[in-house]
Amino acid sequence: MTYYDEISESYDDLHKAEQLRKIAIIKSELGVRKEDSLLDVGTGTGFSLEHFDCNKIGIDPSKKLLEKARHNVLQDKAEDLPFKDDSFDFVISVTAIHNFDDIEKGIKEMKRVGRKDFAFSILKKSKGFDLIEKIIKKEFTIKKTVDEGIDMIFFLEK
């Protein structure tokens, strides 16, 4: 059982309000349309998916968090996404990348399955922030960054 499985009952109470601020910023910047497809990597309970009106799916390794989801979700890890190359118009990850077992592999997998735009919010005080930022700069073109306070949000393209 993972930490997130253990806190699944209180996850939304602990994190939802904070995450919704980031999701609102991401939504306003991306311009996702009804005909678009979106993947949320590290979706948790999937509440972020409620804010996008498109073909959407969330993925997370925590079975207990996903049991609370009301939208289309899969249990799996970012490092081995079960999708074909260029499957999604948009790929987002909200305050999850620092939890990946292999950060570089997870970021490369998100790049592989995305075809248009990406938005990743990164916890600024995480131990891996500098590494994550370095990998993002190596793998993507940064279109914009937004300092949300707790997180830095990167808007990217291949």
C-alpha atoms as a PDB file:
ATOM      1  CA  MET A   1       0.000   0.000   0.000  1.00  0.00           C
ATOM      2  CA  THR A   2       1.359   3.411  -0.986  1.00  0.00           C
ATOM      3  CA  TYR A   3       1.151   6.687   0.898  1.00  0.00           C
ATOM      4  CA  TYR A   4      -1.599   7.842  -1.457  1.00  0.00           C
ATOM      5  CA  ASP A   5      -3.575   4.629  -0.924  1.00  0.00           C
ATOM      6  CA  GLU A   6      -3.317   5.252   2.811  1.00  0.00           C
ATOM      7  CA  ILE A   7      -4.620   8.834   2.604  1.00  0.00           C
ATOM      8  CA  SER A   8      -7.228   8.137  -0.090  1.00  0.00           C
ATOM      9  CA  GLU A   9     -10.172   8.784   2.239  1.00  0.00           C
ATOM     10  CA  SER A  10      -8.993  12.321   2.983  1.00  0.00           C
ATOM     11  CA  TYR A  11      -7.096  13.108  -0.247  1.00  0.00           C
ATOM     12  CA  ASP A  12      -9.660  15.542  -1.663  1.00  0.00           C
ATOM     13  CA  ASP A  13     -10.017  17.321   1.689  1.00  0.00           C
ATOM     14  CA  LEU A  14      -6.240  17.714   1.878  1.00  0.00           C
ATOM     15  CA  HIS A  15      -5.450  18.706  -1.704  1.00  0.00           C
ATOM     16  CA  LYS A  16      -8.502  19.614  -3.793  1.00  0.00           C
ATOM     17  CA  ALA A  17      -8.734  23.362  -3.081  1.00  0.00           C
ATOM     18  CA  GLU A  18      -5.027  23.869  -3.758  1.00  0.00           C
ATOM     19  CA  GLN A  19      -5.136  21.780  -6.935  1.00  0.00           C
ATOM     20  CA  LEU A  20      -8.218  23.552  -8.281  1.00  0.00           C
ATOM     21  CA  ARG A  21      -6.305  26.857  -8.443  1.00  0.00           C
ATOM     22  CA  LYS A  22      -3.663  25.205 -10.623  1.00  0.00           C
ATOM     23  CA  ILE A  23      -6.254  23.458 -12.776  1.00  0.00           C
ATOM     24  CA  ALA A  24      -8.032  26.780 -13.397  1.00  0.00           C
ATOM     25  CA  ILE A  25      -4.753  28.337 -14.607  1.00  0.00           C
ATOM     26  CA  ILE A  26      -3.994  25.326 -16.802  1.00  0.00           C
ATOM     27  CA  LYS A  27      -7.494  25.293 -18.274  1.00  0.00           C
ATOM     28  CA  SER A  28      -7.389  29.009 -19.122  1.00  0.00           C
ATOM     29  CA  GLU A  29      -3.997  28.709 -20.837  1.00  0.00           C
ATOM     30  CA  LEU A  30      -4.519  25.505 -22.836  1.00  0.00           C
ATOM     31  CA  GLY A  31      -7.773  26.300 -24.617  1.00  0.00           C
ATOM     32  CA  VAL A  32      -8.974  22.684 -24.732  1.00  0.00           C
ATOM     33  CA  ARG A  33     -11.953  22.201 -27.064  1.00  0.00           C
ATOM     34  CA  LYS A  34     -14.713  19.596 -26.972  1.00  0.00           C
ATOM     35  CA  GLU A  35     -13.160  17.631 -29.857  1.00  0.00           C
ATOM     36  CA  ASP A  36      -9.734  17.466 -28.184  1.00  0.00           C
ATOM     37  CA  SER A  37      -8.269  14.608 -26.135  1.00  0.00           C
ATOM     38  CA  LEU A  38      -6.555  15.063 -22.779  1.00  0.00           C
ATOM     39  CA  LEU A  39      -4.498  12.819 -20.513  1.00  0.00           C
ATOM     40  CA  ASP A  40      -4.011  13.703 -16.834  1.00  0.00           C
ATOM     41  CA  VAL A  41      -0.959  11.886 -15.454  1.00  0.00           C
ATOM     42  CA  GLY A  42      -1.082  11.507 -11.683  1.00  0.00           C
ATOM     43  CA  THR A  43      -4.805  12.218 -11.665  1.00  0.00           C
ATOM     44  CA  GLY A  44      -5.383  11.047  -8.081  1.00  0.00           C
ATOM     45  CA  THR A  45      -9.145  10.964  -7.519  1.00  0.00           C
ATOM     46  CA  GLY A  46      -9.703  12.439 -10.977  1.00  0.00           C
ATOM     47  CA  PHE A  47     -11.384  15.665  -9.886  1.00  0.00           C
ATOM     48  CA  SER A  48      -9.254  17.613 -12.384  1.00  0.00           C
ATOM     49  CA  LEU A  49     -11.032  15.828 -15.217  1.00  0.00           C
ATOM     50  CA  GLU A  50     -14.326  17.450 -14.202  1.00  0.00           C
ATOM     51  CA  HIS A  51     -12.981  20.783 -15.438  1.00  0.00           C
ATOM     52  CA  PHE A  52     -12.290  19.779 -19.038  1.00  0.00           C
ATOM     53  CA  ASP A  53     -15.091  19.244 -21.554  1.00  0.00           C
ATOM     54  CA  CYS A  54     -13.355  16.906 -23.986  1.00  0.00           C
ATOM     55  CA  ASN A  55     -12.339  13.269 -24.473  1.00  0.00           C
ATOM     56  CA  LYS A  56     -10.346  12.764 -21.272  1.00  0.00           C
ATOM     57  CA  ILE A  57      -8.690  10.075 -19.211  1.00  0.00           C
ATOM     58  CA  GLY A  58      -6.663  10.082 -16.028  1.00  0.00           C
ATOM     59  CA  ILE A  59      -3.924   7.702 -14.964  1.00  0.00           C
ATOM     60  CA  ASP A  60      -2.494   7.117 -11.493  1.00  0.00           C
ATOM     61  CA  PRO A  61      -0.688   4.270  -9.708  1.00  0.00           C
ATOM     62  CA  SER A  62      -2.901   4.485  -6.581  1.00  0.00           C
ATOM     63  CA  LYS A  63      -5.788   2.036  -6.758  1.00  0.00           C
ATOM     64  CA  LYS A  64      -7.496   3.542  -3.697  1.00  0.00           C
ATOM     65  CA  LEU A  65      -7.453   7.077  -5.126  1.00  0.00           C
ATOM     66  CA  LEU A  66      -8.815   5.872  -8.454  1.00  0.00           C
ATOM     67  CA  GLU A  67     -11.703   4.098  -6.718  1.00  0.00           C
ATOM     68  CA  LYS A  68     -12.978   7.585  -5.854  1.00  0.00           C
ATOM     69  CA  ALA A  69     -12.834   8.856  -9.454  1.00  0.00           C
ATOM     70  CA  ARG A  70     -16.018   9.703 -11.336  1.00  0.00           C
ATOM     71  CA  HIS A  71     -14.380   9.794 -14.747  1.00  0.00           C
ATOM     72  CA  ASN A  72     -12.478   7.481 -17.057  1.00  0.00           C
ATOM     73  CA  VAL A  73      -9.285   6.453 -15.246  1.00  0.00           C
ATOM     74  CA  LEU A  74      -6.611   3.750 -15.431  1.00  0.00           C
ATOM     75  CA  GLN A  75      -4.265   2.396 -12.819  1.00  0.00           C
ATOM     76  CA  ASP A  76      -0.723   2.558 -14.151  1.00  0.00           C
ATOM     77  CA  LYS A  77       2.528   4.463 -13.798  1.00  0.00           C
ATOM     78  CA  ALA A  78       3.740   7.469 -15.764  1.00  0.00           C
ATOM     79  CA  GLU A  79       6.911   5.602 -16.671  1.00  0.00           C
ATOM     80  CA  ASP A  80       5.031   3.085 -18.824  1.00  0.00           C
ATOM     81  CA  LEU A  81       1.965   4.779 -20.286  1.00  0.00           C
ATOM     82  CA  PRO A  82      -0.277   2.254 -22.067  1.00  0.00           C
ATOM     83  CA  PHE A  83      -1.013   4.474 -25.079  1.00  0.00           C
ATOM     84  CA  LYS A  84       0.278   4.806 -28.634  1.00  0.00           C
ATOM     85  CA  ASP A  85       2.585   7.629 -29.652  1.00  0.00           C
ATOM     86  CA  ASP A  86       0.812  10.978 -30.173  1.00  0.00           C
ATOM     87  CA  SER A  87      -2.462   9.710 -28.641  1.00  0.00           C
ATOM     88  CA  PHE A  88      -3.494  12.952 -26.902  1.00  0.00           C
ATOM     89  CA  ASP A  89      -3.809  16.589 -27.945  1.00  0.00           C
ATOM     90  CA  PHE A  90      -3.013  17.673 -24.382  1.00  0.00           C
ATOM     91  CA  VAL A  91      -1.119  16.059 -21.523  1.00  0.00           C
ATOM     92  CA  ILE A  92      -1.262  17.562 -18.046  1.00  0.00           C
ATOM     93  CA  SER A  93       0.284  16.588 -14.744  1.00  0.00           C
ATOM     94  CA  VAL A  94      -0.655  18.552 -11.637  1.00  0.00           C
ATOM     95  CA  THR A  95       1.849  18.342  -8.769  1.00  0.00           C
ATOM     96  CA  ALA A  96       2.686  14.701  -9.465  1.00  0.00           C
ATOM     97  CA  ILE A  97       5.989  14.488 -11.334  1.00  0.00           C
ATOM     98  CA  HIS A  98       8.125  14.662  -8.179  1.00  0.00           C
ATOM     99  CA  ASN A  99       6.435  11.388  -7.102  1.00  0.00           C
ATOM    100  CA  PHE A 100       7.437   9.425 -10.211  1.00  0.00           C
ATOM    101  CA  ASP A 101       9.798   6.500  -9.590  1.00  0.00           C
ATOM    102  CA  ASP A 102      11.861   7.539 -12.632  1.00  0.00           C
ATOM    103  CA  ILE A 103      11.244  11.220 -13.353  1.00  0.00           C
ATOM    104  CA  GLU A 104      13.058  11.377 -16.679  1.00  0.00           C
ATOM    105  CA  LYS A 105      11.353   8.260 -18.025  1.00  0.00           C
ATOM    106  CA  GLY A 106       7.934   9.557 -16.909  1.00  0.00           C
ATOM    107  CA  ILE A 107       8.470  12.921 -18.609  1.00  0.00           C
ATOM    108  CA  LYS A 108       9.646  11.226 -21.806  1.00  0.00           C
ATOM    109  CA  GLU A 109       6.572   8.975 -21.736  1.00  0.00           C
ATOM    110  CA  MET A 110       4.264  11.984 -21.414  1.00  0.00           C
ATOM    111  CA  LYS A 111       6.055  13.587 -24.357  1.00  0.00           C
ATOM    112  CA  ARG A 112       5.702  10.393 -26.376  1.00  0.00           C
ATOM    113  CA  VAL A 113       1.918  10.120 -25.951  1.00  0.00           C
ATOM    114  CA  GLY A 114       1.207  13.849 -26.384  1.00  0.00           C
ATOM    115  CA  ARG A 115       1.051  15.606 -29.717  1.00  0.00           C
ATOM    116  CA  LYS A 116       0.114  19.229 -29.088  1.00  0.00           C
ATOM    117  CA  ASP A 117       0.528  21.011 -25.771  1.00  0.00           C
ATOM    118  CA  PHE A 118       1.557  20.048 -22.258  1.00  0.00           C
ATOM    119  CA  ALA A 119       1.079  21.618 -18.832  1.00  0.00           C
ATOM    120  CA  PHE A 120       3.017  20.390 -15.820  1.00  0.00           C
ATOM    121  CA  SER A 121       2.777  21.944 -12.376  1.00  0.00           C
ATOM    122  CA  ILE A 122       5.830  21.232 -10.269  1.00  0.00           C
ATOM    123  CA  LEU A 123       6.023  21.616  -6.502  1.00  0.00           C
ATOM    124  CA  LYS A 124       8.702  24.292  -6.059  1.00  0.00           C
ATOM    125  CA  LYS A 125       9.895  22.969  -2.698  1.00  0.00           C
ATOM    126  CA  SER A 126      10.255  19.356  -3.875  1.00  0.00           C
ATOM    127  CA  LYS A 127      13.780  17.931  -3.695  1.00  0.00           C
ATOM    128  CA  GLY A 128      13.580  17.078  -7.388  1.00  0.00           C
ATOM    129  CA  PHE A 129      12.505  20.505  -8.691  1.00  0.00           C
ATOM    130  CA  ASP A 130      15.854  21.404 -10.274  1.00  0.00           C
ATOM    131  CA  LEU A 131      16.152  17.998 -11.941  1.00  0.00           C
ATOM    132  CA  ILE A 132      12.568  18.151 -13.215  1.00  0.00           C
ATOM    133  CA  GLU A 133      13.099  21.642 -14.628  1.00  0.00           C
ATOM    134  CA  LYS A 134      16.330  20.520 -16.327  1.00  0.00           C
ATOM    135  CA  ILE A 135      14.599  17.530 -17.963  1.00  0.00           C
ATOM    136  CA  ILE A 136      11.656  19.665 -19.068  1.00  0.00           C
ATOM    137  CA  LYS A 137      14.022  22.172 -20.697  1.00  0.00           C
ATOM    138  CA  LYS A 138      15.838  19.336 -22.469  1.00  0.00           C
ATOM    139  CA  GLU A 139      12.687  17.591 -23.732  1.00  0.00           C
ATOM    140  CA  PHE A 140      10.323  20.484 -24.548  1.00  0.00           C
ATOM    141  CA  THR A 141      10.047  24.035 -25.744  1.00  0.00           C
ATOM    142  CA  ILE A 142       8.770  26.169 -22.880  1.00  0.00           C
ATOM    143  CA  LYS A 143       5.998  28.457 -24.099  1.00  0.00           C
ATOM    144  CA  LYS A 144       5.229  30.031 -20.735  1.00  0.00           C
ATOM    145  CA  THR A 145       5.752  29.570 -17.007  1.00  0.00           C
ATOM    146  CA  VAL A 146       3.388  30.685 -14.257  1.00  0.00           C
ATOM    147  CA  ASP A 147       4.513  30.951 -10.647  1.00  0.00           C
ATOM    148  CA  GLU A 148       1.383  29.830  -8.820  1.00  0.00           C
ATOM    149  CA  GLY A 149       2.995  30.255  -5.403  1.00  0.00           C
ATOM    150  CA  ILE A 150       3.320  26.647  -4.306  1.00  0.00           C
ATOM    151  CA  ASP A 151       3.985  25.303  -7.800  1.00  0.00           C
ATOM    152  CA  MET A 152       5.636  26.478 -10.996  1.00  0.00           C
ATOM    153  CA  ILE A 153       3.415  25.671 -13.961  1.00  0.00           C
ATOM    154  CA  PHE A 154       5.174  24.956 -17.241  1.00  0.00           C
ATOM    155  CA  PHE A 155       3.287  25.294 -20.530  1.00  0.00           C
ATOM    156  CA  LEU A 156       5.138  23.314 -23.152  1.00  0.00           C
ATOM    157  CA  GLU A 157       5.223  22.019 -26.697  1.00  0.00           C
ATOM    158  CA  LYS A 158       7.317  19.334 -28.357  1.00  0.00           C
END
